[in-house]
N, C-alpha and C. Protein backbone atom coordinates (compact mmCIF):
# COMPACT_ATOMS: atom_id res chain seq x y z
N MET A 1 192.11 122.54 -79.59
CA MET A 1 193.04 122.86 -78.53
C MET A 1 192.37 122.66 -77.17
N LYS A 2 191.07 123.02 -77.10
CA LYS A 2 190.37 122.82 -75.83
C LYS A 2 190.36 121.37 -75.40
N ARG A 3 190.25 120.46 -76.33
CA ARG A 3 190.27 119.04 -76.04
C ARG A 3 191.57 118.62 -75.42
N ILE A 4 192.68 119.17 -75.92
CA ILE A 4 194.00 118.84 -75.38
C ILE A 4 194.14 119.33 -73.97
N PHE A 5 193.68 120.60 -73.71
CA PHE A 5 193.78 121.11 -72.36
C PHE A 5 192.87 120.37 -71.39
N ASP A 6 191.67 119.97 -71.86
CA ASP A 6 190.78 119.20 -71.01
C ASP A 6 191.35 117.85 -70.64
N SER A 7 192.01 117.17 -71.62
CA SER A 7 192.59 115.89 -71.34
C SER A 7 193.79 116.07 -70.39
N ALA A 8 194.56 117.15 -70.53
CA ALA A 8 195.70 117.39 -69.63
C ALA A 8 195.21 117.63 -68.21
N ASN A 9 194.12 118.39 -68.06
CA ASN A 9 193.54 118.61 -66.74
C ASN A 9 193.02 117.31 -66.13
N ALA A 10 192.42 116.45 -66.92
CA ALA A 10 191.99 115.15 -66.44
C ALA A 10 193.17 114.31 -65.98
N PHE A 11 194.25 114.33 -66.75
CA PHE A 11 195.44 113.59 -66.40
C PHE A 11 195.97 114.05 -65.03
N VAL A 12 196.03 115.33 -64.85
CA VAL A 12 196.56 115.89 -63.58
C VAL A 12 195.63 115.49 -62.41
N ARG A 13 194.34 115.57 -62.62
CA ARG A 13 193.40 115.23 -61.55
C ARG A 13 193.55 113.74 -61.16
N GLU A 14 193.84 112.89 -62.11
CA GLU A 14 193.92 111.46 -61.83
C GLU A 14 195.33 111.02 -61.41
N SER A 15 196.28 111.93 -61.40
CA SER A 15 197.67 111.61 -61.08
C SER A 15 198.01 111.94 -59.63
N ASP A 16 198.98 111.23 -59.11
CA ASP A 16 199.47 111.58 -57.78
C ASP A 16 200.85 112.23 -57.98
N TRP A 17 201.48 112.56 -56.90
CA TRP A 17 202.78 113.26 -56.98
C TRP A 17 203.86 112.43 -57.66
N LYS A 18 203.75 111.12 -57.59
CA LYS A 18 204.75 110.27 -58.24
C LYS A 18 204.65 110.34 -59.73
N ASP A 19 203.42 110.35 -60.24
CA ASP A 19 203.22 110.48 -61.69
C ASP A 19 203.77 111.82 -62.19
N LEU A 20 203.50 112.89 -61.49
CA LEU A 20 203.99 114.20 -61.88
C LEU A 20 205.50 114.28 -61.77
N ALA A 21 206.09 113.64 -60.81
CA ALA A 21 207.57 113.60 -60.70
C ALA A 21 208.19 112.87 -61.86
N VAL A 22 207.59 111.77 -62.29
CA VAL A 22 208.07 111.05 -63.47
C VAL A 22 207.98 111.91 -64.72
N LEU A 23 206.86 112.64 -64.83
CA LEU A 23 206.66 113.55 -65.96
C LEU A 23 207.77 114.63 -65.99
N LYS A 24 208.10 115.14 -64.83
CA LYS A 24 209.15 116.17 -64.75
C LYS A 24 210.50 115.61 -65.16
N PHE A 25 210.79 114.37 -64.69
CA PHE A 25 212.07 113.73 -65.10
C PHE A 25 212.10 113.50 -66.61
N CYS A 26 210.96 113.12 -67.19
CA CYS A 26 210.89 112.90 -68.61
C CYS A 26 211.19 114.22 -69.37
N LEU A 27 210.58 115.32 -68.92
CA LEU A 27 210.82 116.60 -69.55
C LEU A 27 212.25 117.08 -69.34
N LEU A 28 212.81 116.78 -68.18
CA LEU A 28 214.22 117.13 -67.94
C LEU A 28 215.15 116.41 -68.90
N SER A 29 214.90 115.12 -69.07
CA SER A 29 215.78 114.36 -69.98
C SER A 29 215.62 114.83 -71.42
N LEU A 30 214.41 115.20 -71.81
CA LEU A 30 214.18 115.75 -73.14
C LEU A 30 214.95 117.04 -73.32
N GLY A 31 214.90 117.90 -72.30
CA GLY A 31 215.65 119.16 -72.34
C GLY A 31 217.13 118.95 -72.44
N LEU A 32 217.62 117.95 -71.70
CA LEU A 32 219.09 117.63 -71.76
C LEU A 32 219.45 117.15 -73.12
N LEU A 33 218.64 116.28 -73.73
CA LEU A 33 218.92 115.81 -75.10
C LEU A 33 218.90 116.95 -76.09
N ALA A 34 217.95 117.84 -75.95
CA ALA A 34 217.88 118.99 -76.86
C ALA A 34 219.10 119.90 -76.65
N GLY A 35 219.51 120.07 -75.41
CA GLY A 35 220.63 120.94 -75.09
C GLY A 35 221.95 120.42 -75.66
N MET A 36 222.05 119.13 -75.77
CA MET A 36 223.28 118.53 -76.33
C MET A 36 223.42 118.84 -77.83
N GLN A 37 222.35 119.24 -78.48
CA GLN A 37 222.37 119.49 -79.92
C GLN A 37 222.63 120.94 -80.27
N ILE A 38 222.80 121.76 -79.27
CA ILE A 38 223.00 123.22 -79.53
C ILE A 38 224.45 123.53 -79.76
N SER A 39 224.70 124.34 -80.76
CA SER A 39 226.11 124.70 -81.07
C SER A 39 226.73 125.54 -79.99
N GLU A 40 228.01 125.55 -79.93
CA GLU A 40 228.71 126.29 -78.88
C GLU A 40 228.40 127.79 -78.88
N LYS A 41 228.26 128.38 -80.07
CA LYS A 41 228.04 129.79 -80.15
C LYS A 41 226.65 130.22 -79.67
N CYS A 42 225.69 129.28 -79.61
CA CYS A 42 224.37 129.61 -79.16
C CYS A 42 224.08 129.19 -77.69
N LYS A 43 225.00 128.51 -77.10
CA LYS A 43 224.74 127.98 -75.75
C LYS A 43 224.52 129.08 -74.69
N LYS A 44 225.20 130.18 -74.79
CA LYS A 44 225.02 131.26 -73.83
C LYS A 44 223.59 131.82 -73.91
N ASP A 45 223.09 132.04 -75.10
CA ASP A 45 221.77 132.57 -75.29
C ASP A 45 220.71 131.57 -74.79
N VAL A 46 220.94 130.31 -75.03
CA VAL A 46 220.00 129.28 -74.60
C VAL A 46 220.00 129.18 -73.11
N ARG A 47 221.16 129.28 -72.44
CA ARG A 47 221.23 129.28 -71.00
C ARG A 47 220.46 130.42 -70.40
N ILE A 48 220.59 131.60 -70.97
CA ILE A 48 219.87 132.79 -70.47
C ILE A 48 218.36 132.59 -70.62
N ALA A 49 217.93 132.10 -71.77
CA ALA A 49 216.50 131.88 -72.00
C ALA A 49 215.97 130.81 -71.05
N ALA A 50 216.71 129.72 -70.89
CA ALA A 50 216.26 128.62 -70.01
C ALA A 50 216.20 129.12 -68.56
N SER A 51 217.13 129.94 -68.14
CA SER A 51 217.10 130.45 -66.78
C SER A 51 215.91 131.34 -66.58
N ALA A 52 215.60 132.15 -67.55
CA ALA A 52 214.47 133.04 -67.46
C ALA A 52 213.14 132.25 -67.38
N VAL A 53 213.01 131.23 -68.23
CA VAL A 53 211.79 130.40 -68.22
C VAL A 53 211.70 129.69 -66.90
N PHE A 54 212.78 129.15 -66.40
CA PHE A 54 212.76 128.46 -65.12
C PHE A 54 212.28 129.38 -64.03
N THR A 55 212.87 130.55 -63.96
CA THR A 55 212.52 131.52 -62.91
C THR A 55 211.07 131.96 -63.01
N LEU A 56 210.61 132.23 -64.22
CA LEU A 56 209.25 132.71 -64.41
C LEU A 56 208.18 131.64 -64.14
N THR A 57 208.58 130.40 -64.22
CA THR A 57 207.63 129.32 -63.93
C THR A 57 207.75 128.77 -62.51
N TYR A 58 208.96 128.75 -61.96
CA TYR A 58 209.22 128.17 -60.67
C TYR A 58 208.61 129.00 -59.56
N ILE A 59 208.77 130.30 -59.64
CA ILE A 59 208.30 131.19 -58.57
C ILE A 59 206.79 131.11 -58.38
N PRO A 60 206.00 131.20 -59.42
CA PRO A 60 204.53 131.06 -59.22
C PRO A 60 204.13 129.67 -58.70
N LEU A 61 204.79 128.61 -59.15
CA LEU A 61 204.51 127.32 -58.64
C LEU A 61 204.77 127.21 -57.15
N MET A 62 205.92 127.76 -56.72
CA MET A 62 206.26 127.68 -55.31
C MET A 62 205.36 128.54 -54.44
N ILE A 63 204.95 129.68 -54.97
CA ILE A 63 203.97 130.53 -54.27
C ILE A 63 202.69 129.77 -54.04
N LYS A 64 202.20 129.17 -55.09
CA LYS A 64 200.95 128.37 -54.97
C LYS A 64 201.13 127.23 -53.97
N TYR A 65 202.25 126.52 -54.05
CA TYR A 65 202.51 125.39 -53.17
C TYR A 65 202.57 125.91 -51.72
N LEU A 66 203.33 126.95 -51.48
CA LEU A 66 203.44 127.46 -50.12
C LEU A 66 202.12 127.92 -49.55
N ARG A 67 201.24 128.53 -50.37
CA ARG A 67 199.92 128.93 -49.91
C ARG A 67 199.12 127.69 -49.49
N ILE A 68 199.20 126.64 -50.28
CA ILE A 68 198.53 125.37 -49.95
C ILE A 68 199.11 124.80 -48.66
N LEU A 69 200.44 124.79 -48.55
CA LEU A 69 201.09 124.24 -47.39
C LEU A 69 200.75 125.00 -46.13
N ILE A 70 200.76 126.31 -46.17
CA ILE A 70 200.45 127.14 -45.07
C ILE A 70 198.96 127.01 -44.69
N GLY A 71 198.14 126.94 -45.68
CA GLY A 71 196.68 126.81 -45.47
C GLY A 71 196.32 125.50 -44.77
N LYS A 72 197.02 124.43 -45.17
CA LYS A 72 196.75 123.12 -44.56
C LYS A 72 197.30 123.06 -43.17
N SER A 73 198.44 123.72 -42.90
CA SER A 73 198.99 123.68 -41.55
C SER A 73 198.12 124.48 -40.57
N GLU A 74 197.45 125.53 -41.10
CA GLU A 74 196.59 126.33 -40.24
C GLU A 74 195.32 125.60 -39.92
N GLU A 75 194.86 124.69 -40.79
CA GLU A 75 193.63 123.95 -40.59
C GLU A 75 193.77 122.90 -39.50
N THR A 76 195.00 122.34 -39.32
CA THR A 76 195.20 121.26 -38.35
C THR A 76 195.52 121.78 -37.01
């Protein structure tokens, strides 16, 4: 498992924002394809879970980004 995480860290270090944007679009399309396979009776539960995961991951990412953005603007 450590090898997988190390290779993922190396990938991110060697990537620019365009590579990461493409990765996000890839994951979005995978999520859409998976979502199309969910039965009608389970869609509400999946929407709630997806919203929770999005919120719990988006907020920390934006906090980190804003700290970097504010820190760089203070340096200049």
